[in-house]
């Protein structure tokens, strides 16, 4: 099993609640899109902070 599989798939990492029967492993594309969304959101937040800082500096 690769690192891309959900924790449900590996018995040693199984949670106490168990996994639903319809749980499926996440694909590499889903994980990549989640990472990309995180990076884009982080950049947008820092850009907003920079704009606010420039606006405050002009006061």
PDB file of N, CA and C in Angstrom:
ATOM      1  N   UNK A   1       0.831  -1.182   0.000  1.00  0.00           N
ATOM      2  CA  UNK A   1       0.000   0.000   0.000  1.00  0.00           C
ATOM      3  C   UNK A   1       0.874   1.243   0.000  1.00  0.00           C
ATOM      4  N   UNK A   2       0.528   2.203  -0.807  1.00  0.00           N
ATOM      5  CA  UNK A   2       1.301   3.424  -0.896  1.00  0.00           C
ATOM      6  C   UNK A   2       0.793   4.489   0.051  1.00  0.00           C
ATOM      7  N   UNK A   3       1.523   5.594   0.150  1.00  0.00           N
ATOM      8  CA  UNK A   3       1.127   6.677   1.041  1.00  0.00           C
ATOM      9  C   UNK A   3      -0.118   7.404   0.573  1.00  0.00           C
ATOM     10  N   UNK A   4      -0.562   7.130  -0.647  1.00  0.00           N
ATOM     11  CA  UNK A   4      -1.723   7.820  -1.186  1.00  0.00           C
ATOM     12  C   UNK A   4      -3.025   7.235  -0.644  1.00  0.00           C
ATOM     13  N   UNK A   5      -2.978   6.041  -0.108  1.00  0.00           N
ATOM     14  CA  UNK A   5      -4.175   5.382   0.413  1.00  0.00           C
ATOM     15  C   UNK A   5      -4.641   6.058   1.687  1.00  0.00           C
ATOM     16  N   UNK A   6      -5.940   5.982   1.957  1.00  0.00           N
ATOM     17  CA  UNK A   6      -6.482   6.514   3.207  1.00  0.00           C
ATOM     18  C   UNK A   6      -6.023   5.660   4.373  1.00  0.00           C
ATOM     19  N   UNK A   7      -6.084   6.217   5.559  1.00  0.00           N
ATOM     20  CA  UNK A   7      -5.668   5.492   6.749  1.00  0.00           C
ATOM     21  C   UNK A   7      -6.552   4.274   6.995  1.00  0.00           C
ATOM     22  N   UNK A   8      -7.765   4.285   6.502  1.00  0.00           N
ATOM     23  CA  UNK A   8      -8.682   3.153   6.686  1.00  0.00           C
ATOM     24  C   UNK A   8      -8.135   1.880   6.047  1.00  0.00           C
ATOM     25  N   UNK A   9      -7.378   2.064   5.017  1.00  0.00           N
ATOM     26  CA  UNK A   9      -6.915   0.921   4.254  1.00  0.00           C
ATOM     27  C   UNK A   9      -5.856   0.115   4.999  1.00  0.00           C
ATOM     28  N   UNK A  10      -5.158   0.751   5.931  1.00  0.00           N
ATOM     29  CA  UNK A  10      -4.099   0.054   6.651  1.00  0.00           C
ATOM     30  C   UNK A  10      -4.588  -0.306   8.050  1.00  0.00           C
ATOM     31  N   UNK A  11      -4.583  -1.581   8.411  1.00  0.00           N
ATOM     32  CA  UNK A  11      -5.102  -1.995   9.706  1.00  0.00           C
ATOM     33  C   UNK A  11      -4.379  -1.379  10.898  1.00  0.00           C
ATOM     34  N   UNK A  12      -3.069  -1.140  10.785  1.00  0.00           N
ATOM     35  CA  UNK A  12      -2.346  -0.607  11.931  1.00  0.00           C
ATOM     36  C   UNK A  12      -2.688   0.859  12.205  1.00  0.00           C
ATOM     37  N   UNK A  13      -3.269   1.555  11.233  1.00  0.00           N
ATOM     38  CA  UNK A  13      -3.642   2.948  11.429  1.00  0.00           C
ATOM     39  C   UNK A  13      -5.160   3.117  11.541  1.00  0.00           C
ATOM     40  N   UNK A  14      -5.867   2.061  11.704  1.00  0.00           N
ATOM     41  CA  UNK A  14      -7.325   2.113  11.732  1.00  0.00           C
ATOM     42  C   UNK A  14      -7.797   2.869  12.970  1.00  0.00           C
ATOM     43  N   UNK A  15      -8.780   3.724  12.808  1.00  0.00           N
ATOM     44  CA  UNK A  15      -9.296   4.482  13.939  1.00  0.00           C
ATOM     45  C   UNK A  15     -10.218   3.598  14.771  1.00  0.00           C
ATOM     46  N   UNK A  16     -10.573   4.083  15.956  1.00  0.00           N
ATOM     47  CA  UNK A  16     -11.435   3.300  16.839  1.00  0.00           C
ATOM     48  C   UNK A  16     -12.858   3.269  16.318  1.00  0.00           C
ATOM     49  N   UNK A  17     -13.240   4.227  15.502  1.00  0.00           N
ATOM     50  CA  UNK A  17     -14.593   4.271  14.967  1.00  0.00           C
ATOM     51  C   UNK A  17     -14.775   3.325  13.779  1.00  0.00           C
ATOM     52  N   UNK A  18     -13.722   2.929  13.173  1.00  0.00           N
ATOM     53  CA  UNK A  18     -13.811   2.090  11.984  1.00  0.00           C
ATOM     54  C   UNK A  18     -14.040   2.933  10.742  1.00  0.00           C
ATOM     55  N   UNK A  19     -14.012   2.300   9.614  1.00  0.00           N
ATOM     56  CA  UNK A  19     -14.171   3.004   8.353  1.00  0.00           C
ATOM     57  C   UNK A  19     -15.470   2.579   7.690  1.00  0.00           C
ATOM     58  N   UNK A  20     -16.102   3.495   6.985  1.00  0.00           N
ATOM     59  CA  UNK A  20     -17.305   3.106   6.263  1.00  0.00           C
ATOM     60  C   UNK A  20     -16.977   2.110   5.159  1.00  0.00           C
ATOM     61  N   UNK A  21     -17.933   1.287   4.840  1.00  0.00           N
ATOM     62  CA  UNK A  21     -17.681   0.257   3.826  1.00  0.00           C
ATOM     63  C   UNK A  21     -17.447   0.853   2.449  1.00  0.00           C
ATOM     64  N   UNK A  22     -17.995   2.042   2.206  1.00  0.00           N
ATOM     65  CA  UNK A  22     -17.827   2.651   0.893  1.00  0.00           C
ATOM     66  C   UNK A  22     -16.611   3.578   0.841  1.00  0.00           C
ATOM     67  N   UNK A  23     -15.728   3.527   1.859  1.00  0.00           N
ATOM     68  CA  UNK A  23     -14.519   4.354   1.844  1.00  0.00           C
ATOM     69  C   UNK A  23     -13.618   3.898   0.704  1.00  0.00           C
ATOM     70  N   UNK A  24     -13.076   4.871   0.009  1.00  0.00           N
ATOM     71  CA  UNK A  24     -12.191   4.532  -1.101  1.00  0.00           C
ATOM     72  C   UNK A  24     -10.905   5.312  -0.951  1.00  0.00           C
ATOM     73  N   UNK A  25      -9.829   4.810  -1.489  1.00  0.00           N
ATOM     74  CA  UNK A  25      -8.568   5.537  -1.389  1.00  0.00           C
ATOM     75  C   UNK A  25      -8.620   6.832  -2.193  1.00  0.00           C
ATOM     76  N   UNK A  26      -7.962   7.849  -1.694  1.00  0.00           N
ATOM     77  CA  UNK A  26      -7.898   9.112  -2.429  1.00  0.00           C
ATOM     78  C   UNK A  26      -6.882   8.959  -3.550  1.00  0.00           C
ATOM     79  N   UNK A  27      -7.218   9.529  -4.686  1.00  0.00           N
ATOM     80  CA  UNK A  27      -6.308   9.443  -5.819  1.00  0.00           C
ATOM     81  C   UNK A  27      -5.234  10.515  -5.698  1.00  0.00           C
ATOM     82  N   UNK A  28      -4.183  10.330  -6.434  1.00  0.00           N
ATOM     83  CA  UNK A  28      -3.091  11.307  -6.443  1.00  0.00           C
ATOM     84  C   UNK A  28      -3.591  12.654  -6.947  1.00  0.00           C
ATOM     85  N   UNK A  29      -4.506  12.647  -7.906  1.00  0.00           N
ATOM     86  CA  UNK A  29      -5.047  13.899  -8.446  1.00  0.00           C
ATOM     87  C   UNK A  29      -5.817  14.665  -7.366  1.00  0.00           C
ATOM     88  N   UNK A  30      -6.614  13.946  -6.553  1.00  0.00           N
ATOM     89  CA  UNK A  30      -7.363  14.616  -5.490  1.00  0.00           C
ATOM     90  C   UNK A  30      -6.415  15.251  -4.482  1.00  0.00           C
ATOM     91  N   UNK A  31      -5.372  14.529  -4.108  1.00  0.00           N
ATOM     92  CA  UNK A  31      -4.414  15.062  -3.142  1.00  0.00           C
ATOM     93  C   UNK A  31      -3.646  16.239  -3.729  1.00  0.00           C
ATOM     94  N   UNK A  32      -3.303  16.159  -5.006  1.00  0.00           N
ATOM     95  CA  UNK A  32      -2.582  17.251  -5.659  1.00  0.00           C
ATOM     96  C   UNK A  32      -3.453  18.499  -5.726  1.00  0.00           C
ATOM     97  N   UNK A  33      -4.731  18.340  -6.041  1.00  0.00           N
ATOM     98  CA  UNK A  33      -5.637  19.480  -6.108  1.00  0.00           C
ATOM     99  C   UNK A  33      -5.824  20.100  -4.723  1.00  0.00           C
ATOM    100  N   UNK A  34      -5.874  19.277  -3.688  1.00  0.00           N
ATOM    101  CA  UNK A  34      -6.000  19.810  -2.322  1.00  0.00           C
ATOM    102  C   UNK A  34      -4.757  20.606  -1.959  1.00  0.00           C
ATOM    103  N   UNK A  35      -3.582  20.097  -2.311  1.00  0.00           N
ATOM    104  CA  UNK A  35      -2.339  20.819  -2.047  1.00  0.00           C
ATOM    105  C   UNK A  35      -2.302  22.137  -2.813  1.00  0.00           C
ATOM    106  N   UNK A  36      -2.716  22.099  -4.064  1.00  0.00           N
ATOM    107  CA  UNK A  36      -2.722  23.301  -4.891  1.00  0.00           C
ATOM    108  C   UNK A  36      -3.682  24.343  -4.317  1.00  0.00           C
ATOM    109  N   UNK A  37      -4.851  23.907  -3.881  1.00  0.00           N
ATOM    110  CA  UNK A  37      -5.816  24.834  -3.282  1.00  0.00           C
ATOM    111  C   UNK A  37      -5.245  25.464  -2.021  1.00  0.00           C
ATOM    112  N   UNK A  38      -4.535  24.681  -1.214  1.00  0.00           N
ATOM    113  CA  UNK A  38      -3.918  25.217  -0.001  1.00  0.00           C
ATOM    114  C   UNK A  38      -2.873  26.268  -0.334  1.00  0.00           C
ATOM    115  N   UNK A  39      -2.023  25.983  -1.313  1.00  0.00           N
ATOM    116  CA  UNK A  39      -0.959  26.921  -1.689  1.00  0.00           C
ATOM    117  C   UNK A  39      -1.555  28.208  -2.238  1.00  0.00           C
ATOM    118  N   UNK A  40      -2.551  28.098  -3.105  1.00  0.00           N
ATOM    119  CA  UNK A  40      -3.180  29.289  -3.694  1.00  0.00           C
ATOM    120  C   UNK A  40      -3.853  30.124  -2.613  1.00  0.00           C
ATOM    121  N   UNK A  41      -4.541  29.478  -1.690  1.00  0.00           N
ATOM    122  CA  UNK A  41      -5.206  30.202  -0.600  1.00  0.00           C
ATOM    123  C   UNK A  41      -4.176  30.899   0.287  1.00  0.00           C
ATOM    124  N   UNK A  42      -3.080  30.228   0.581  1.00  0.00           N
ATOM    125  CA  UNK A  42      -2.032  30.831   1.412  1.00  0.00           C
ATOM    126  C   UNK A  42      -1.431  32.057   0.734  1.00  0.00           C
ATOM    127  N   UNK A  43      -1.164  31.959  -0.561  1.00  0.00           N
ATOM    128  CA  UNK A  43      -0.613  33.098  -1.300  1.00  0.00           C
ATOM    129  C   UNK A  43      -1.611  34.248  -1.313  1.00  0.00           C
ATOM    130  N   UNK A  44      -2.889  33.947  -1.493  1.00  0.00           N
ATOM    131  CA  UNK A  44      -3.916  34.989  -1.517  1.00  0.00           C
ATOM    132  C   UNK A  44      -4.016  35.697  -0.169  1.00  0.00           C
ATOM    133  N   UNK A  45      -3.918  34.949   0.910  1.00  0.00           N
ATOM    134  CA  UNK A  45      -3.984  35.560   2.246  1.00  0.00           C
ATOM    135  C   UNK A  45      -2.788  36.481   2.460  1.00  0.00           C
ATOM    136  N   UNK A  46      -1.600  36.034   2.093  1.00  0.00           N
ATOM    137  CA  UNK A  46      -0.424  36.885   2.265  1.00  0.00           C
ATOM    138  C   UNK A  46      -0.498  38.121   1.362  1.00  0.00           C
ATOM    139  N   UNK A  47      -1.037  37.990   0.165  1.00  0.00           N
ATOM    140  CA  UNK A  47      -1.198  39.147  -0.717  1.00  0.00           C
ATOM    141  C   UNK A  47      -2.174  40.149  -0.097  1.00  0.00           C
ATOM    142  N   UNK A  48      -3.229  39.657   0.512  1.00  0.00           N
ATOM    143  CA  UNK A  48      -4.187  40.533   1.184  1.00  0.00           C
ATOM    144  C   UNK A  48      -3.530  41.248   2.366  1.00  0.00           C
ATOM    145  N   UNK A  49      -2.705  40.544   3.117  1.00  0.00           N
ATOM    146  CA  UNK A  49      -1.996  41.161   4.240  1.00  0.00           C
ATOM    147  C   UNK A  49      -1.066  42.262   3.736  1.00  0.00           C
ATOM    148  N   UNK A  50      -0.392  42.029   2.631  1.00  0.00           N
ATOM    149  CA  UNK A  50       0.508  43.045   2.061  1.00  0.00           C
ATOM    150  C   UNK A  50      -0.285  44.267   1.633  1.00  0.00           C
ATOM    151  N   UNK A  51      -1.417  44.061   0.987  1.00  0.00           N
ATOM    152  CA  UNK A  51      -2.245  45.198   0.562  1.00  0.00           C
ATOM    153  C   UNK A  51      -2.743  45.990   1.760  1.00  0.00           C
ATOM    154  N   UNK A  52      -3.167  45.323   2.800  1.00  0.00           N
ATOM    155  CA  UNK A  52      -3.627  46.014   4.006  1.00  0.00           C
ATOM    156  C   UNK A  52      -2.478  46.787   4.640  1.00  0.00           C
ATOM    157  N   UNK A  53      -1.295  46.196   4.699  1.00  0.00           N
ATOM    158  CA  UNK A  53      -0.130  46.864   5.275  1.00  0.00           C
ATOM    159  C   UNK A  53       0.240  48.108   4.468  1.00  0.00           C
ATOM    160  N   UNK A  54       0.164  48.037   3.158  1.00  0.00           N
ATOM    161  CA  UNK A  54       0.460  49.217   2.330  1.00  0.00           C
ATOM    162  C   UNK A  54      -0.576  50.300   2.554  1.00  0.00           C
ATOM    163  N   UNK A  55      -1.838  49.897   2.693  1.00  0.00           N
ATOM    164  CA  UNK A  55      -2.898  50.887   2.958  1.00  0.00           C
ATOM    165  C   UNK A  55      -2.716  51.557   4.296  1.00  0.00           C
ATOM    166  N   UNK A  56      -2.321  50.802   5.305  1.00  0.00           N
ATOM    167  CA  UNK A  56      -2.098  51.378   6.627  1.00  0.00           C
ATOM    168  C   UNK A  56      -0.880  52.293   6.612  1.00  0.00           C
ATOM    169  N   UNK A  57       0.122  51.943   5.850  1.00  0.00           N
ATOM    170  CA  UNK A  57       1.332  52.766   5.796  1.00  0.00           C
ATOM    171  C   UNK A  57       1.050  54.138   5.167  1.00  0.00           C
ATOM    172  N   UNK A  58       0.066  54.217   4.288  1.00  0.00           N
ATOM    173  CA  UNK A  58      -0.262  55.487   3.631  1.00  0.00           C
ATOM    174  C   UNK A  58      -1.032  56.431   4.578  1.00  0.00           C
ATOM    175  N   UNK A  59      -1.561  55.903   5.669  1.00  0.00           N
ATOM    176  CA  UNK A  59      -2.341  56.755   6.583  1.00  0.00           C
ATOM    177  C   UNK A  59      -1.503  57.717   7.323  1.00  0.00           C
TER     178      UNK A  59
END
